[in-house]
Amino acid sequence: MYNVVFRTSLKHSTFNAITWVPFGNVSSFNEQYNERARELHKIVEEDVSNERAAKLCSDAEVALVIVASKLREF
């Protein structure tokens, strides 16, 4: 498994949120991380363990960004 952690980069409801996507291998990732994907998602870290990816995604700062984004929707 080739885990990649991303941060959303365009202004929308989850701007600056961190997520992770498991790819089968680096070749699969390279095929899917095209120009459009680069506009939407910036790489935080590549080829990380599930534990590291979960840690990056559970950062308190990220949770605050998501809450703030949701509050703006009201």
PDB file of N, CA and C in Angstrom:
ATOM      1  N   MET A   1       0.839  -1.176   0.000  1.00  0.00           N
ATOM      2  CA  MET A   1       0.000   0.000   0.000  1.00  0.00           C
ATOM      3  C   MET A   1       0.889   1.247   0.000  1.00  0.00           C
ATOM      4  N   TYR A   2       0.494   2.225  -0.784  1.00  0.00           N
ATOM      5  CA  TYR A   2       1.224   3.494  -0.896  1.00  0.00           C
ATOM      6  C   TYR A   2       0.279   4.590  -0.428  1.00  0.00           C
ATOM      7  N   ASN A   3       0.394   4.972   0.846  1.00  0.00           N
ATOM      8  CA  ASN A   3      -0.488   5.985   1.429  1.00  0.00           C
ATOM      9  C   ASN A   3       0.039   7.387   1.139  1.00  0.00           C
ATOM     10  N   VAL A   4      -0.862   8.255   0.706  1.00  0.00           N
ATOM     11  CA  VAL A   4      -0.516   9.653   0.453  1.00  0.00           C
ATOM     12  C   VAL A   4      -1.476  10.527   1.254  1.00  0.00           C
ATOM     13  N   VAL A   5      -0.913  11.470   1.990  1.00  0.00           N
ATOM     14  CA  VAL A   5      -1.700  12.402   2.794  1.00  0.00           C
ATOM     15  C   VAL A   5      -1.780  13.717   2.033  1.00  0.00           C
ATOM     16  N   PHE A   6      -3.006  14.207   1.873  1.00  0.00           N
ATOM     17  CA  PHE A   6      -3.266  15.428   1.105  1.00  0.00           C
ATOM     18  C   PHE A   6      -3.881  16.507   1.985  1.00  0.00           C
ATOM     19  N   ARG A   7      -3.675  17.758   1.578  1.00  0.00           N
ATOM     20  CA  ARG A   7      -4.388  18.909   2.162  1.00  0.00           C
ATOM     21  C   ARG A   7      -5.177  19.541   1.025  1.00  0.00           C
ATOM     22  N   THR A   8      -6.474  19.764   1.252  1.00  0.00           N
ATOM     23  CA  THR A   8      -7.275  20.404   0.208  1.00  0.00           C
ATOM     24  C   THR A   8      -6.799  21.837   0.032  1.00  0.00           C
ATOM     25  N   SER A   9      -6.785  22.302  -1.216  1.00  0.00           N
ATOM     26  CA  SER A   9      -6.163  23.595  -1.479  1.00  0.00           C
ATOM     27  C   SER A   9      -7.083  24.641  -2.091  1.00  0.00           C
ATOM     28  N   LEU A  10      -8.248  24.274  -2.539  1.00  0.00           N
ATOM     29  CA  LEU A  10      -9.166  25.271  -3.083  1.00  0.00           C
ATOM     30  C   LEU A  10     -10.179  25.670  -2.027  1.00  0.00           C
ATOM     31  N   LYS A  11     -10.651  26.888  -2.141  1.00  0.00           N
ATOM     32  CA  LYS A  11     -11.635  27.389  -1.167  1.00  0.00           C
ATOM     33  C   LYS A  11     -12.981  26.695  -1.385  1.00  0.00           C
ATOM     34  N   HIS A  12     -13.319  25.819  -0.496  1.00  0.00           N
ATOM     35  CA  HIS A  12     -14.641  25.210  -0.451  1.00  0.00           C
ATOM     36  C   HIS A  12     -14.879  24.756   0.979  1.00  0.00           C
ATOM     37  N   SER A  13     -15.885  24.012   1.255  1.00  0.00           N
ATOM     38  CA  SER A  13     -16.275  23.729   2.635  1.00  0.00           C
ATOM     39  C   SER A  13     -15.222  22.971   3.434  1.00  0.00           C
ATOM     40  N   THR A  14     -14.341  22.278   2.774  1.00  0.00           N
ATOM     41  CA  THR A  14     -13.305  21.545   3.506  1.00  0.00           C
ATOM     42  C   THR A  14     -11.913  22.082   3.196  1.00  0.00           C
ATOM     43  N   PHE A  15     -11.800  23.361   2.875  1.00  0.00           N
ATOM     44  CA  PHE A  15     -10.515  23.979   2.579  1.00  0.00           C
ATOM     45  C   PHE A  15      -9.531  23.713   3.710  1.00  0.00           C
ATOM     46  N   ASN A  16      -8.351  23.288   3.352  1.00  0.00           N
ATOM     47  CA  ASN A  16      -7.252  23.041   4.278  1.00  0.00           C
ATOM     48  C   ASN A  16      -7.405  21.769   5.095  1.00  0.00           C
ATOM     49  N   ALA A  17      -8.412  20.968   4.818  1.00  0.00           N
ATOM     50  CA  ALA A  17      -8.576  19.708   5.527  1.00  0.00           C
ATOM     51  C   ALA A  17      -7.509  18.720   5.055  1.00  0.00           C
ATOM     52  N   ILE A  18      -7.133  17.834   5.950  1.00  0.00           N
ATOM     53  CA  ILE A  18      -6.139  16.817   5.602  1.00  0.00           C
ATOM     54  C   ILE A  18      -6.835  15.467   5.542  1.00  0.00           C
ATOM     55  N   THR A  19      -6.593  14.753   4.451  1.00  0.00           N
ATOM     56  CA  THR A  19      -7.136  13.406   4.265  1.00  0.00           C
ATOM     57  C   THR A  19      -6.033  12.508   3.740  1.00  0.00           C
ATOM     58  N   TRP A  20      -6.282  11.211   3.772  1.00  0.00           N
ATOM     59  CA  TRP A  20      -5.299  10.320   3.172  1.00  0.00           C
ATOM     60  C   TRP A  20      -5.986   9.314   2.281  1.00  0.00           C
ATOM     61  N   VAL A  21      -5.256   8.913   1.244  1.00  0.00           N
ATOM     62  CA  VAL A  21      -5.772   7.966   0.263  1.00  0.00           C
ATOM     63  C   VAL A  21      -4.740   6.857   0.085  1.00  0.00           C
ATOM     64  N   PRO A  22      -5.169   5.603   0.220  1.00  0.00           N
ATOM     65  CA  PRO A  22      -4.245   4.497  -0.054  1.00  0.00           C
ATOM     66  C   PRO A  22      -4.284   4.142  -1.548  1.00  0.00           C
ATOM     67  N   PHE A  23      -3.130   4.048  -2.146  1.00  0.00           N
ATOM     68  CA  PHE A  23      -2.989   3.625  -3.536  1.00  0.00           C
ATOM     69  C   PHE A  23      -2.313   2.255  -3.535  1.00  0.00           C
ATOM     70  N   GLY A  24      -2.532   1.495  -4.578  1.00  0.00           N
ATOM     71  CA  GLY A  24      -1.929   0.170  -4.668  1.00  0.00           C
ATOM     72  C   GLY A  24      -0.407   0.229  -4.703  1.00  0.00           C
ATOM     73  N   ASN A  25       0.112   1.233  -5.394  1.00  0.00           N
ATOM     74  CA  ASN A  25       1.562   1.409  -5.503  1.00  0.00           C
ATOM     75  C   ASN A  25       1.845   2.812  -6.027  1.00  0.00           C
ATOM     76  N   VAL A  26       3.107   3.166  -6.096  1.00  0.00           N
ATOM     77  CA  VAL A  26       3.489   4.515  -6.518  1.00  0.00           C
ATOM     78  C   VAL A  26       3.073   4.782  -7.968  1.00  0.00           C
ATOM     79  N   SER A  27       3.108   3.777  -8.817  1.00  0.00           N
ATOM     80  CA  SER A  27       2.688   3.954 -10.212  1.00  0.00           C
ATOM     81  C   SER A  27       1.216   4.323 -10.298  1.00  0.00           C
ATOM     82  N   SER A  28       0.397   3.657  -9.500  1.00  0.00           N
ATOM     83  CA  SER A  28      -1.035   3.959  -9.476  1.00  0.00           C
ATOM     84  C   SER A  28      -1.266   5.391  -9.004  1.00  0.00           C
ATOM     85  N   PHE A  29      -0.531   5.804  -7.982  1.00  0.00           N
ATOM     86  CA  PHE A  29      -0.637   7.180  -7.496  1.00  0.00           C
ATOM     87  C   PHE A  29      -0.250   8.165  -8.597  1.00  0.00           C
ATOM     88  N   ASN A  30       0.872   7.929  -9.261  1.00  0.00           N
ATOM     89  CA  ASN A  30       1.350   8.840 -10.300  1.00  0.00           C
ATOM     90  C   ASN A  30       0.363   8.965 -11.456  1.00  0.00           C
ATOM     91  N   GLU A  31      -0.329   7.884 -11.779  1.00  0.00           N
ATOM     92  CA  GLU A  31      -1.334   7.919 -12.842  1.00  0.00           C
ATOM     93  C   GLU A  31      -2.541   8.766 -12.450  1.00  0.00           C
ATOM     94  N   GLN A  32      -2.928   8.711 -11.180  1.00  0.00           N
ATOM     95  CA  GLN A  32      -4.149   9.383 -10.740  1.00  0.00           C
ATOM     96  C   GLN A  32      -3.928  10.819 -10.267  1.00  0.00           C
ATOM     97  N   TYR A  33      -2.709  11.146  -9.862  1.00  0.00           N
ATOM     98  CA  TYR A  33      -2.441  12.496  -9.360  1.00  0.00           C
ATOM     99  C   TYR A  33      -2.104  13.392 -10.546  1.00  0.00           C
ATOM    100  N   ASN A  34      -3.154  13.721 -11.298  1.00  0.00           N
ATOM    101  CA  ASN A  34      -3.019  14.503 -12.527  1.00  0.00           C
ATOM    102  C   ASN A  34      -3.103  16.004 -12.240  1.00  0.00           C
ATOM    103  N   GLU A  35      -3.135  16.794 -13.286  1.00  0.00           N
ATOM    104  CA  GLU A  35      -3.149  18.249 -13.151  1.00  0.00           C
ATOM    105  C   GLU A  35      -4.341  18.741 -12.326  1.00  0.00           C
ATOM    106  N   ARG A  36      -5.511  18.200 -12.582  1.00  0.00           N
ATOM    107  CA  ARG A  36      -6.715  18.615 -11.832  1.00  0.00           C
ATOM    108  C   ARG A  36      -6.579  18.248 -10.356  1.00  0.00           C
ATOM    109  N   ALA A  37      -6.089  17.060 -10.076  1.00  0.00           N
ATOM    110  CA  ALA A  37      -5.899  16.639  -8.686  1.00  0.00           C
ATOM    111  C   ALA A  37      -4.900  17.543  -7.978  1.00  0.00           C
ATOM    112  N   ARG A  38      -3.872  17.988  -8.684  1.00  0.00           N
ATOM    113  CA  ARG A  38      -2.874  18.899  -8.095  1.00  0.00           C
ATOM    114  C   ARG A  38      -3.490  20.244  -7.725  1.00  0.00           C
ATOM    115  N   GLU A  39      -4.496  20.677  -8.488  1.00  0.00           N
ATOM    116  CA  GLU A  39      -5.192  21.931  -8.167  1.00  0.00           C
ATOM    117  C   GLU A  39      -6.011  21.791  -6.885  1.00  0.00           C
ATOM    118  N   LEU A  40      -6.581  20.623  -6.674  1.00  0.00           N
ATOM    119  CA  LEU A  40      -7.473  20.397  -5.543  1.00  0.00           C
ATOM    120  C   LEU A  40      -6.757  19.970  -4.271  1.00  0.00           C
ATOM    121  N   HIS A  41      -5.674  19.211  -4.425  1.00  0.00           N
ATOM    122  CA  HIS A  41      -5.028  18.591  -3.268  1.00  0.00           C
ATOM    123  C   HIS A  41      -3.516  18.718  -3.344  1.00  0.00           C
ATOM    124  N   LYS A  42      -2.941  19.260  -2.285  1.00  0.00           N
ATOM    125  CA  LYS A  42      -1.487  19.356  -2.177  1.00  0.00           C
ATOM    126  C   LYS A  42      -0.989  18.206  -1.304  1.00  0.00           C
ATOM    127  N   ILE A  43       0.132  17.639  -1.659  1.00  0.00           N
ATOM    128  CA  ILE A  43       0.693  16.520  -0.912  1.00  0.00           C
ATOM    129  C   ILE A  43       1.306  17.027   0.393  1.00  0.00           C
ATOM    130  N   VAL A  44       0.941  16.372   1.481  1.00  0.00           N
ATOM    131  CA  VAL A  44       1.546  16.644   2.784  1.00  0.00           C
ATOM    132  C   VAL A  44       2.717  15.681   2.980  1.00  0.00           C
ATOM    133  N   GLU A  45       2.440  14.387   2.826  1.00  0.00           N
ATOM    134  CA  GLU A  45       3.477  13.350   2.916  1.00  0.00           C
ATOM    135  C   GLU A  45       3.077  12.180   2.028  1.00  0.00           C
ATOM    136  N   GLU A  46       4.078  11.515   1.497  1.00  0.00           N
ATOM    137  CA  GLU A  46       3.862  10.333   0.653  1.00  0.00           C
ATOM    138  C   GLU A  46       4.482   9.104   1.292  1.00  0.00           C
ATOM    139  N   ASP A  47       3.945   7.955   0.925  1.00  0.00           N
ATOM    140  CA  ASP A  47       4.470   6.654   1.334  1.00  0.00           C
ATOM    141  C   ASP A  47       4.613   6.549   2.850  1.00  0.00           C
ATOM    142  N   VAL A  48       3.517   6.839   3.547  1.00  0.00           N
ATOM    143  CA  VAL A  48       3.523   6.786   5.008  1.00  0.00           C
ATOM    144  C   VAL A  48       2.714   5.588   5.496  1.00  0.00           C
ATOM    145  N   SER A  49       2.961   5.192   6.725  1.00  0.00           N
ATOM    146  CA  SER A  49       2.211   4.085   7.323  1.00  0.00           C
ATOM    147  C   SER A  49       0.783   4.542   7.618  1.00  0.00           C
ATOM    148  N   ASN A  50      -0.101   3.582   7.842  1.00  0.00           N
ATOM    149  CA  ASN A  50      -1.476   3.916   8.223  1.00  0.00           C
ATOM    150  C   ASN A  50      -1.486   4.736   9.511  1.00  0.00           C
ATOM    151  N   GLU A  51      -0.611   4.385  10.434  1.00  0.00           N
ATOM    152  CA  GLU A  51      -0.545   5.091  11.713  1.00  0.00           C
ATOM    153  C   GLU A  51      -0.136   6.551  11.527  1.00  0.00           C
ATOM    154  N   ARG A  52       0.885   6.785  10.693  1.00  0.00           N
ATOM    155  CA  ARG A  52       1.344   8.150  10.436  1.00  0.00           C
ATOM    156  C   ARG A  52       0.254   8.946   9.718  1.00  0.00           C
ATOM    157  N   ALA A  53      -0.397   8.336   8.738  1.00  0.00           N
ATOM    158  CA  ALA A  53      -1.470   9.013   8.012  1.00  0.00           C
ATOM    159  C   ALA A  53      -2.601   9.390   8.964  1.00  0.00           C
ATOM    160  N   ALA A  54      -2.993   8.475   9.828  1.00  0.00           N
ATOM    161  CA  ALA A  54      -4.060   8.751  10.792  1.00  0.00           C
ATOM    162  C   ALA A  54      -3.650   9.879  11.736  1.00  0.00           C
ATOM    163  N   LYS A  55      -2.399   9.890  12.153  1.00  0.00           N
ATOM    164  CA  LYS A  55      -1.901  10.949  13.043  1.00  0.00           C
ATOM    165  C   LYS A  55      -1.995  12.311  12.350  1.00  0.00           C
ATOM    166  N   LEU A  56      -1.551  12.378  11.111  1.00  0.00           N
ATOM    167  CA  LEU A  56      -1.618  13.639  10.370  1.00  0.00           C
ATOM    168  C   LEU A  56      -3.057  14.106  10.188  1.00  0.00           C
ATOM    169  N   CYS A  57      -3.963  13.168   9.977  1.00  0.00           N
ATOM    170  CA  CYS A  57      -5.363  13.515   9.743  1.00  0.00           C
ATOM    171  C   CYS A  57      -6.126  13.845  11.015  1.00  0.00           C
ATOM    172  N   SER A  58      -5.582  13.479  12.159  1.00  0.00           N
ATOM    173  CA  SER A  58      -6.296  13.717  13.414  1.00  0.00           C
ATOM    174  C   SER A  58      -5.738  14.907  14.184  1.00  0.00           C
ATOM    175  N   ASP A  59      -4.894  15.672  13.559  1.00  0.00           N
ATOM    176  CA  ASP A  59      -4.314  16.860  14.173  1.00  0.00           C
ATOM    177  C   ASP A  59      -5.420  17.811  14.613  1.00  0.00           C
ATOM    178  N   ALA A  60      -5.326  18.356  15.808  1.00  0.00           N
ATOM    179  CA  ALA A  60      -6.350  19.252  16.349  1.00  0.00           C
ATOM    180  C   ALA A  60      -6.530  20.490  15.474  1.00  0.00           C
ATOM    181  N   GLU A  61      -5.467  21.005  14.901  1.00  0.00           N
ATOM    182  CA  GLU A  61      -5.561  22.183  14.033  1.00  0.00           C
ATOM    183  C   GLU A  61      -6.471  21.901  12.845  1.00  0.00           C
ATOM    184  N   VAL A  62      -6.357  20.713  12.289  1.00  0.00           N
ATOM    185  CA  VAL A  62      -7.192  20.346  11.154  1.00  0.00           C
ATOM    186  C   VAL A  62      -8.651  20.273  11.579  1.00  0.00           C
ATOM    187  N   ALA A  63      -8.917  19.724  12.744  1.00  0.00           N
ATOM    188  CA  ALA A  63     -10.286  19.642  13.240  1.00  0.00           C
ATOM    189  C   ALA A  63     -10.883  21.039  13.383  1.00  0.00           C
ATOM    190  N   LEU A  64     -10.104  21.992  13.856  1.00  0.00           N
ATOM    191  CA  LEU A  64     -10.592  23.357  13.991  1.00  0.00           C
ATOM    192  C   LEU A  64     -10.896  23.984  12.642  1.00  0.00           C
ATOM    193  N   VAL A  65     -10.077  23.695  11.649  1.00  0.00           N
ATOM    194  CA  VAL A  65     -10.315  24.216  10.301  1.00  0.00           C
ATOM    195  C   VAL A  65     -11.647  23.692   9.765  1.00  0.00           C
ATOM    196  N   ILE A  66     -11.915  22.428   9.974  1.00  0.00           N
ATOM    197  CA  ILE A  66     -13.154  21.830   9.488  1.00  0.00           C
ATOM    198  C   ILE A  66     -14.355  22.432  10.213  1.00  0.00           C
ATOM    199  N   VAL A  67     -14.266  22.576  11.527  1.00  0.00           N
ATOM    200  CA  VAL A  67     -15.363  23.173  12.295  1.00  0.00           C
ATOM    201  C   VAL A  67     -15.616  24.600  11.824  1.00  0.00           C
ATOM    202  N   ALA A  68     -14.557  25.388  11.658  1.00  0.00           N
ATOM    203  CA  ALA A  68     -14.712  26.766  11.191  1.00  0.00           C
ATOM    204  C   ALA A  68     -15.354  26.809   9.818  1.00  0.00           C
ATOM    205  N   SER A  69     -14.961  25.895   8.952  1.00  0.00           N
ATOM    206  CA  SER A  69     -15.539  25.847   7.616  1.00  0.00           C
ATOM    207  C   SER A  69     -17.022  25.529   7.676  1.00  0.00           C
ATOM    208  N   LYS A  70     -17.402  24.615   8.517  1.00  0.00           N
ATOM    209  CA  LYS A  70     -18.809  24.232   8.643  1.00  0.00           C
ATOM    210  C   LYS A  70     -19.625  25.371   9.220  1.00  0.00           C
ATOM    211  N   LEU A  71     -19.049  26.120  10.164  1.00  0.00           N
ATOM    212  CA  LEU A  71     -19.770  27.258  10.736  1.00  0.00           C
ATOM    213  C   LEU A  71     -20.050  28.328   9.695  1.00  0.00           C
ATOM    214  N   ARG A  72     -19.145  28.495   8.740  1.00  0.00           N
ATOM    215  CA  ARG A  72     -19.337  29.489   7.681  1.00  0.00           C
ATOM    216  C   ARG A  72     -20.516  29.129   6.785  1.00  0.00           C
ATOM    217  N   GLU A  73     -20.902  27.870   6.758  1.00  0.00           N
ATOM    218  CA  GLU A  73     -22.011  27.436   5.906  1.00  0.00           C
ATOM    219  C   GLU A  73     -23.359  27.899   6.451  1.00  0.00           C
ATOM    220  N   PHE A  74     -23.452  28.253   7.734  1.00  0.00           N
ATOM    221  CA  PHE A  74     -24.730  28.644   8.331  1.00  0.00           C
ATOM    222  C   PHE A  74     -25.044  30.090   8.092  1.00  0.00           C
TER     223      PHE A  74
END
